[in-house]
Amino acid sequence: MQVNATEQDNFFNESKQQLQQYIQQKLSLFKMQLVEKMSTLIALLCTGLCIALLVFFILLFVSIMAGYFFASFFNSLYIGFAIVTSFYVVLLGIVLKLKNKLIMPFIADLIVKVVYESTTNNSDNHA
């Protein structure tokens, strides 16, 4: 009877240790997946920021060029730069109109896609 009791104690102790190892491994896996997802999102954000900065400077200099072009065309700096400014005001209005319909869902879908792709890749690699 005591042999059976010690075997049960050993079984439960071994099961407890295996369960603790399993939980630790699952936590480690979760942390690694979280770090991978966050690093992918941060890399995407940094890349997008760099591209946005370059596009900003390109638009800035093209806008200055367009302002001077229209200024020479109309013989007035004010009118030339007013045309460029009005173009940007109209563009701002369009962006504000489309913000909820197109822009925000696109960004949300992009983030979900990045997170889901890294989850899919991990599950494919571990299977």
N, C-alpha and C. Protein backbone atom coordinates (compact mmCIF):
# COMPACT_ATOMS: atom_id res chain seq x y z
N MET A 1 0.81 -1.19 0.00
CA MET A 1 0.00 0.00 0.00
C MET A 1 0.86 1.27 0.00
N GLN A 2 1.96 1.25 0.75
CA GLN A 2 2.83 2.42 0.81
C GLN A 2 3.59 2.61 -0.51
N VAL A 3 3.89 1.50 -1.18
CA VAL A 3 4.55 1.61 -2.47
C VAL A 3 3.62 2.33 -3.46
N ASN A 4 2.36 1.99 -3.40
CA ASN A 4 1.37 2.62 -4.26
C ASN A 4 1.23 4.11 -3.93
N ALA A 5 1.29 4.46 -2.66
CA ALA A 5 1.18 5.86 -2.24
C ALA A 5 2.40 6.66 -2.70
N THR A 6 3.59 6.07 -2.57
CA THR A 6 4.79 6.78 -3.02
C THR A 6 4.81 6.91 -4.54
N GLU A 7 4.29 5.91 -5.25
CA GLU A 7 4.20 6.01 -6.70
C GLU A 7 3.24 7.13 -7.10
N GLN A 8 2.14 7.26 -6.35
CA GLN A 8 1.20 8.34 -6.63
C GLN A 8 1.84 9.69 -6.34
N ASP A 9 2.58 9.77 -5.21
CA ASP A 9 3.27 11.03 -4.89
C ASP A 9 4.27 11.39 -5.98
N ASN A 10 5.05 10.39 -6.44
CA ASN A 10 6.01 10.64 -7.51
C ASN A 10 5.30 11.07 -8.79
N PHE A 11 4.19 10.40 -9.10
CA PHE A 11 3.43 10.74 -10.29
C PHE A 11 2.94 12.19 -10.23
N PHE A 12 2.38 12.58 -9.06
CA PHE A 12 1.87 13.94 -8.94
C PHE A 12 3.00 14.97 -8.93
N ASN A 13 4.12 14.64 -8.31
CA ASN A 13 5.26 15.56 -8.31
C ASN A 13 5.81 15.73 -9.73
N GLU A 14 5.94 14.63 -10.46
CA GLU A 14 6.42 14.71 -11.84
C GLU A 14 5.42 15.47 -12.71
N SER A 15 4.15 15.21 -12.51
CA SER A 15 3.12 15.91 -13.28
C SER A 15 3.15 17.41 -12.98
N LYS A 16 3.35 17.73 -11.70
CA LYS A 16 3.44 19.14 -11.30
C LYS A 16 4.63 19.81 -11.96
N GLN A 17 5.77 19.14 -11.96
CA GLN A 17 6.97 19.71 -12.59
C GLN A 17 6.79 19.87 -14.09
N GLN A 18 6.19 18.87 -14.73
CA GLN A 18 5.95 18.96 -16.17
C GLN A 18 4.97 20.08 -16.49
N LEU A 19 3.96 20.24 -15.65
CA LEU A 19 3.00 21.32 -15.85
C LEU A 19 3.67 22.68 -15.68
N GLN A 20 4.54 22.81 -14.67
CA GLN A 20 5.26 24.06 -14.46
C GLN A 20 6.18 24.36 -15.66
N GLN A 21 6.86 23.33 -16.17
CA GLN A 21 7.71 23.52 -17.34
C GLN A 21 6.88 23.94 -18.56
N TYR A 22 5.75 23.29 -18.72
CA TYR A 22 4.87 23.61 -19.83
C TYR A 22 4.40 25.07 -19.75
N ILE A 23 4.00 25.48 -18.57
CA ILE A 23 3.53 26.87 -18.39
C ILE A 23 4.67 27.85 -18.65
N GLN A 24 5.87 27.54 -18.17
CA GLN A 24 7.02 28.42 -18.40
C GLN A 24 7.35 28.50 -19.89
N GLN A 25 7.28 27.37 -20.58
CA GLN A 25 7.57 27.37 -22.01
C GLN A 25 6.50 28.13 -22.78
N LYS A 26 5.24 27.99 -22.38
CA LYS A 26 4.17 28.74 -23.04
C LYS A 26 4.33 30.24 -22.81
N LEU A 27 4.71 30.62 -21.58
CA LEU A 27 4.94 32.05 -21.30
C LEU A 27 6.11 32.58 -22.12
N SER A 28 7.17 31.80 -22.21
CA SER A 28 8.33 32.21 -23.02
C SER A 28 7.93 32.36 -24.49
N LEU A 29 7.16 31.41 -24.99
CA LEU A 29 6.69 31.49 -26.37
C LEU A 29 5.82 32.72 -26.58
N PHE A 30 4.92 32.98 -25.64
CA PHE A 30 4.06 34.16 -25.74
C PHE A 30 4.89 35.44 -25.74
N LYS A 31 5.90 35.51 -24.87
CA LYS A 31 6.75 36.70 -24.83
C LYS A 31 7.51 36.89 -26.14
N MET A 32 8.02 35.78 -26.70
CA MET A 32 8.76 35.87 -27.96
C MET A 32 7.85 36.31 -29.09
N GLN A 33 6.64 35.76 -29.13
CA GLN A 33 5.69 36.16 -30.17
C GLN A 33 5.30 37.62 -30.02
N LEU A 34 5.13 38.07 -28.78
CA LEU A 34 4.78 39.46 -28.54
C LEU A 34 5.92 40.39 -28.98
N VAL A 35 7.14 40.01 -28.65
CA VAL A 35 8.29 40.82 -29.06
C VAL A 35 8.39 40.86 -30.58
N GLU A 36 8.15 39.73 -31.23
CA GLU A 36 8.21 39.69 -32.69
C GLU A 36 7.15 40.59 -33.30
N LYS A 37 5.93 40.52 -32.79
CA LYS A 37 4.84 41.35 -33.31
C LYS A 37 5.12 42.83 -33.08
N MET A 38 5.58 43.15 -31.89
CA MET A 38 5.86 44.55 -31.59
C MET A 38 7.02 45.08 -32.43
N SER A 39 8.04 44.26 -32.61
CA SER A 39 9.17 44.72 -33.42
C SER A 39 8.76 44.90 -34.88
N THR A 40 7.87 44.05 -35.37
CA THR A 40 7.37 44.22 -36.73
C THR A 40 6.56 45.50 -36.85
N LEU A 41 5.71 45.76 -35.87
CA LEU A 41 4.92 47.00 -35.90
C LEU A 41 5.80 48.23 -35.78
N ILE A 42 6.80 48.17 -34.92
CA ILE A 42 7.71 49.32 -34.75
C ILE A 42 8.52 49.54 -36.02
N ALA A 43 8.98 48.45 -36.65
CA ALA A 43 9.73 48.59 -37.91
C ALA A 43 8.84 49.19 -38.98
N LEU A 44 7.59 48.74 -39.04
CA LEU A 44 6.65 49.30 -40.01
C LEU A 44 6.41 50.78 -39.74
N LEU A 45 6.28 51.13 -38.48
CA LEU A 45 6.07 52.53 -38.11
C LEU A 45 7.28 53.39 -38.48
N CYS A 46 8.48 52.91 -38.17
CA CYS A 46 9.69 53.68 -38.50
C CYS A 46 9.86 53.83 -40.00
N THR A 47 9.61 52.76 -40.74
CA THR A 47 9.71 52.83 -42.20
C THR A 47 8.68 53.81 -42.75
N GLY A 48 7.46 53.72 -42.25
CA GLY A 48 6.43 54.65 -42.69
C GLY A 48 6.77 56.10 -42.36
N LEU A 49 7.37 56.30 -41.18
CA LEU A 49 7.77 57.65 -40.79
C LEU A 49 8.86 58.20 -41.69
N CYS A 50 9.84 57.37 -42.02
CA CYS A 50 10.91 57.80 -42.93
C CYS A 50 10.36 58.14 -44.31
N ILE A 51 9.48 57.29 -44.80
CA ILE A 51 8.88 57.55 -46.12
C ILE A 51 8.04 58.83 -46.07
N ALA A 52 7.28 59.00 -44.99
CA ALA A 52 6.46 60.21 -44.85
C ALA A 52 7.33 61.46 -44.80
N LEU A 53 8.47 61.38 -44.12
CA LEU A 53 9.38 62.52 -44.04
C LEU A 53 9.95 62.87 -45.41
N LEU A 54 10.35 61.84 -46.17
CA LEU A 54 10.87 62.09 -47.51
C LEU A 54 9.79 62.66 -48.43
N VAL A 55 8.58 62.11 -48.34
CA VAL A 55 7.47 62.63 -49.16
C VAL A 55 7.17 64.07 -48.77
N PHE A 56 7.25 64.37 -47.47
CA PHE A 56 7.01 65.75 -47.02
C PHE A 56 7.99 66.72 -47.67
N PHE A 57 9.28 66.36 -47.66
CA PHE A 57 10.26 67.27 -48.25
C PHE A 57 10.10 67.38 -49.77
N ILE A 58 9.77 66.27 -50.40
CA ILE A 58 9.52 66.34 -51.85
C ILE A 58 8.34 67.26 -52.14
N LEU A 59 7.24 67.08 -51.39
CA LEU A 59 6.08 67.94 -51.60
C LEU A 59 6.37 69.41 -51.27
N LEU A 60 7.19 69.61 -50.26
CA LEU A 60 7.55 70.98 -49.89
C LEU A 60 8.25 71.68 -51.04
N PHE A 61 9.26 71.03 -51.60
CA PHE A 61 10.02 71.67 -52.67
C PHE A 61 9.24 71.74 -53.98
N VAL A 62 8.43 70.73 -54.25
CA VAL A 62 7.58 70.79 -55.44
C VAL A 62 6.55 71.91 -55.28
N SER A 63 6.03 72.10 -54.08
CA SER A 63 5.07 73.17 -53.82
C SER A 63 5.71 74.54 -54.00
N ILE A 64 6.94 74.68 -53.53
CA ILE A 64 7.64 75.96 -53.72
C ILE A 64 7.86 76.22 -55.20
N MET A 65 8.27 75.15 -55.92
CA MET A 65 8.46 75.29 -57.36
C MET A 65 7.15 75.66 -58.05
N ALA A 66 6.05 74.99 -57.67
CA ALA A 66 4.75 75.29 -58.28
C ALA A 66 4.32 76.71 -57.94
N GLY A 67 4.58 77.15 -56.71
CA GLY A 67 4.23 78.51 -56.33
C GLY A 67 4.95 79.53 -57.19
N TYR A 68 6.24 79.32 -57.40
CA TYR A 68 7.00 80.25 -58.25
C TYR A 68 6.58 80.14 -59.72
N PHE A 69 6.21 78.93 -60.15
CA PHE A 69 5.74 78.76 -61.53
C PHE A 69 4.46 79.56 -61.75
N PHE A 70 3.48 79.37 -60.85
CA PHE A 70 2.22 80.11 -60.98
C PHE A 70 2.44 81.60 -60.77
N ALA A 71 3.41 81.96 -59.94
CA ALA A 71 3.71 83.38 -59.73
C ALA A 71 4.25 84.00 -61.01
N SER A 72 5.11 83.27 -61.72
CA SER A 72 5.62 83.83 -62.97
C SER A 72 4.53 83.83 -64.05
N PHE A 73 3.63 82.87 -63.98
CA PHE A 73 2.54 82.79 -64.96
C PHE A 73 1.55 83.94 -64.78
N PHE A 74 1.22 84.28 -63.50
CA PHE A 74 0.26 85.35 -63.21
C PHE A 74 0.93 86.67 -62.84
N ASN A 75 2.25 86.71 -62.84
CA ASN A 75 3.03 87.91 -62.49
C ASN A 75 2.70 88.41 -61.08
N SER A 76 2.43 87.48 -60.15
CA SER A 76 2.14 87.85 -58.77
C SER A 76 2.51 86.69 -57.87
N LEU A 77 3.41 86.96 -56.91
CA LEU A 77 3.77 85.92 -55.95
C LEU A 77 2.56 85.49 -55.12
N TYR A 78 1.75 86.44 -54.74
CA TYR A 78 0.59 86.13 -53.91
C TYR A 78 -0.38 85.16 -54.61
N ILE A 79 -0.66 85.44 -55.85
CA ILE A 79 -1.59 84.58 -56.58
C ILE A 79 -0.98 83.20 -56.81
N GLY A 80 0.29 83.14 -57.13
CA GLY A 80 0.96 81.87 -57.36
C GLY A 80 0.92 80.96 -56.13
N PHE A 81 1.30 81.52 -55.00
CA PHE A 81 1.29 80.71 -53.78
C PHE A 81 -0.13 80.50 -53.25
N ALA A 82 -1.05 81.39 -53.57
CA ALA A 82 -2.45 81.19 -53.17
C ALA A 82 -3.05 80.01 -53.91
N ILE A 83 -2.68 79.82 -55.17
CA ILE A 83 -3.17 78.67 -55.94
C ILE A 83 -2.67 77.38 -55.31
N VAL A 84 -1.39 77.34 -54.94
CA VAL A 84 -0.83 76.14 -54.32
C VAL A 84 -1.49 75.89 -52.96
N THR A 85 -1.69 76.95 -52.20
CA THR A 85 -2.32 76.81 -50.89
C THR A 85 -3.76 76.34 -51.02
N SER A 86 -4.48 76.87 -51.98
CA SER A 86 -5.86 76.43 -52.16
C SER A 86 -5.92 74.96 -52.59
N PHE A 87 -4.95 74.51 -53.37
CA PHE A 87 -4.89 73.09 -53.73
C PHE A 87 -4.74 72.23 -52.47
N TYR A 88 -3.89 72.65 -51.56
CA TYR A 88 -3.70 71.88 -50.33
C TYR A 88 -4.91 71.96 -49.40
N VAL A 89 -5.62 73.08 -49.41
CA VAL A 89 -6.84 73.19 -48.60
C VAL A 89 -7.91 72.24 -49.13
N VAL A 90 -8.05 72.16 -50.45
CA VAL A 90 -9.01 71.23 -51.05
C VAL A 90 -8.59 69.79 -50.76
N LEU A 91 -7.30 69.50 -50.88
CA LEU A 91 -6.79 68.17 -50.58
C LEU A 91 -7.04 67.79 -49.11
N LEU A 92 -6.87 68.76 -48.21
CA LEU A 92 -7.16 68.52 -46.79
C LEU A 92 -8.64 68.20 -46.58
N GLY A 93 -9.51 68.91 -47.26
CA GLY A 93 -10.94 68.65 -47.15
C GLY A 93 -11.29 67.24 -47.63
N ILE A 94 -10.67 66.81 -48.72
CA ILE A 94 -10.91 65.46 -49.24
C ILE A 94 -10.43 64.41 -48.24
N VAL A 95 -9.25 64.63 -47.69
CA VAL A 95 -8.70 63.68 -46.72
C VAL A 95 -9.59 63.60 -45.48
N LEU A 96 -10.06 64.73 -44.99
CA LEU A 96 -10.92 64.74 -43.82
C LEU A 96 -12.26 64.04 -44.11
N LYS A 97 -12.76 64.19 -45.34
CA LYS A 97 -14.00 63.50 -45.70
C LYS A 97 -13.82 61.99 -45.76
N LEU A 98 -12.68 61.55 -46.27
CA LEU A 98 -12.43 60.13 -46.48
C LEU A 98 -11.76 59.45 -45.29
N LYS A 99 -11.48 60.21 -44.25
CA LYS A 99 -10.74 59.67 -43.10
C LYS A 99 -11.42 58.45 -42.50
N ASN A 100 -12.69 58.56 -42.19
CA ASN A 100 -13.39 57.45 -41.53
C ASN A 100 -13.74 56.31 -42.48
N LYS A 101 -13.89 56.61 -43.76
CA LYS A 101 -14.31 55.59 -44.71
C LYS A 101 -13.13 54.79 -45.26
N LEU A 102 -12.02 55.45 -45.54
CA LEU A 102 -10.92 54.77 -46.22
C LEU A 102 -9.62 54.73 -45.43
N ILE A 103 -9.24 55.83 -44.86
CA ILE A 103 -7.89 55.92 -44.29
C ILE A 103 -7.77 55.13 -42.99
N MET A 104 -8.67 55.37 -42.03
CA MET A 104 -8.58 54.66 -40.75
C MET A 104 -8.79 53.16 -40.89
N PRO A 105 -9.77 52.68 -41.69
CA PRO A 105 -9.88 51.22 -41.87
C PRO A 105 -8.64 50.62 -42.54
N PHE A 106 -8.03 51.36 -43.47
CA PHE A 106 -6.82 50.86 -44.12
C PHE A 106 -5.70 50.67 -43.11
N ILE A 107 -5.51 51.64 -42.24
CA ILE A 107 -4.45 51.55 -41.23
C ILE A 107 -4.76 50.43 -40.24
N ALA A 108 -6.00 50.32 -39.80
CA ALA A 108 -6.38 49.25 -38.87
C ALA A 108 -6.19 47.88 -39.51
N ASP A 109 -6.58 47.73 -40.77
CA ASP A 109 -6.39 46.46 -41.47
C ASP A 109 -4.92 46.13 -41.63
N LEU A 110 -4.11 47.14 -41.87
CA LEU A 110 -2.68 46.92 -42.02
C LEU A 110 -2.07 46.40 -40.72
N ILE A 111 -2.47 46.98 -39.59
CA ILE A 111 -1.95 46.54 -38.30
C ILE A 111 -2.41 45.12 -38.00
N VAL A 112 -3.69 44.83 -38.25
CA VAL A 112 -4.20 43.47 -38.02
C VAL A 112 -3.47 42.48 -38.93
N LYS A 113 -3.23 42.87 -40.17
CA LYS A 113 -2.53 42.00 -41.11
C LYS A 113 -1.12 41.69 -40.61
N VAL A 114 -0.41 42.69 -40.12
CA VAL A 114 0.95 42.48 -39.61
C VAL A 114 0.92 41.54 -38.42
N VAL A 115 0.01 41.74 -37.50
CA VAL A 115 -0.07 40.89 -36.30
C VAL A 115 -0.50 39.49 -36.69
N TYR A 116 -1.48 39.37 -37.58
CA TYR A 116 -2.00 38.06 -37.96
C TYR A 116 -0.96 37.27 -38.77
N GLU A 117 -0.22 37.96 -39.66
CA GLU A 117 0.80 37.27 -40.45
C GLU A 117 1.88 36.68 -39.56
N SER A 118 2.32 37.42 -38.56
CA SER A 118 3.36 36.88 -37.69
C SER A 118 2.81 35.73 -36.85
N THR A 119 1.52 35.77 -36.50
CA THR A 119 0.91 34.66 -35.76
C THR A 119 0.79 33.44 -36.68
N THR A 120 0.38 33.65 -37.92
CA THR A 120 0.25 32.55 -38.87
C THR A 120 1.61 31.92 -39.16
N ASN A 121 2.63 32.76 -39.33
CA ASN A 121 3.97 32.22 -39.58
C ASN A 121 4.47 31.41 -38.41
N ASN A 122 4.20 31.85 -37.19
CA ASN A 122 4.64 31.12 -36.02
C ASN A 122 3.93 29.79 -35.91
N SER A 123 2.62 29.76 -36.15
CA SER A 123 1.90 28.51 -36.04
C SER A 123 2.31 27.55 -37.15
N ASP A 124 2.66 28.06 -38.33
CA ASP A 124 3.13 27.20 -39.40
C ASP A 124 4.50 26.62 -39.08
N ASN A 125 5.37 27.41 -38.45
CA ASN A 125 6.71 26.95 -38.12
C ASN A 125 6.69 25.93 -37.01
N HIS A 126 5.75 26.05 -36.08
CA HIS A 126 5.73 25.14 -34.91
C HIS A 126 4.96 23.87 -35.20
N ALA A 127 4.16 23.84 -36.26
CA ALA A 127 3.34 22.65 -36.54
C ALA A 127 4.15 21.57 -37.24
